[in-house]
Amino acid sequence: MVPTHKAVGVLGVRTMKRTIPAVLVTMFLLAAPAFAADDEKSVGEATDSVVFSTAPPVVHGPALPVLYGTLAALQAYDGWSTVKALRLGAVEANPALTSVASNPGAMLALKAGATTVSIYAAERMWRRHRHVEAVVTMVVVNGMMATVAAHNASVARGLK
């Protein structure tokens, strides 16, 4: 039997049941405004003082920034290729993403959130002196996204 629609997406439902809430919580936390005020001053008043952080700057090797950029590019390609494949007649294979995949804005938000969560996790590991784990995590996430991107590219080629 020949399927009439090719499926887009590789991740399973179990993975997405954990990923979507994590992405939504991260996006909510990043969107919440943060205000800081002195006891004598209100939030709306401007101050002439400069605040210096006492924390030392985080210094990475060259691997993590490159992996961050690669992940952002892979996520962008995955979002674009998924939307394009759906317009050409493909069907999203992941039932948890069917409503999101058809909306380019929602897909962009999901991809931005997933990228942010991955980078945040790697940065936390790095700051806790778990450098190897941070790099390995980003390599694994990039590998998964490269697999998804390659799958989407093959589906799109088959639909042309």
Foldseek 3Di string as FASTA:
>chain_A
DDDPAAAADDDEQVVVVVLVVQLVVQVVVVPDDDFDDDPVDDRPDDDPDDDDDPDDDQDDDPQLVVLLVLLLVLLVLLLVLLCVLVVLPHAHPYPVCRVQSVDSVSSVSSSVSSSVVLSVVLVVCVVVVVNVVSNVSSVVSSVVSVVSSVRSVVSVVVSD
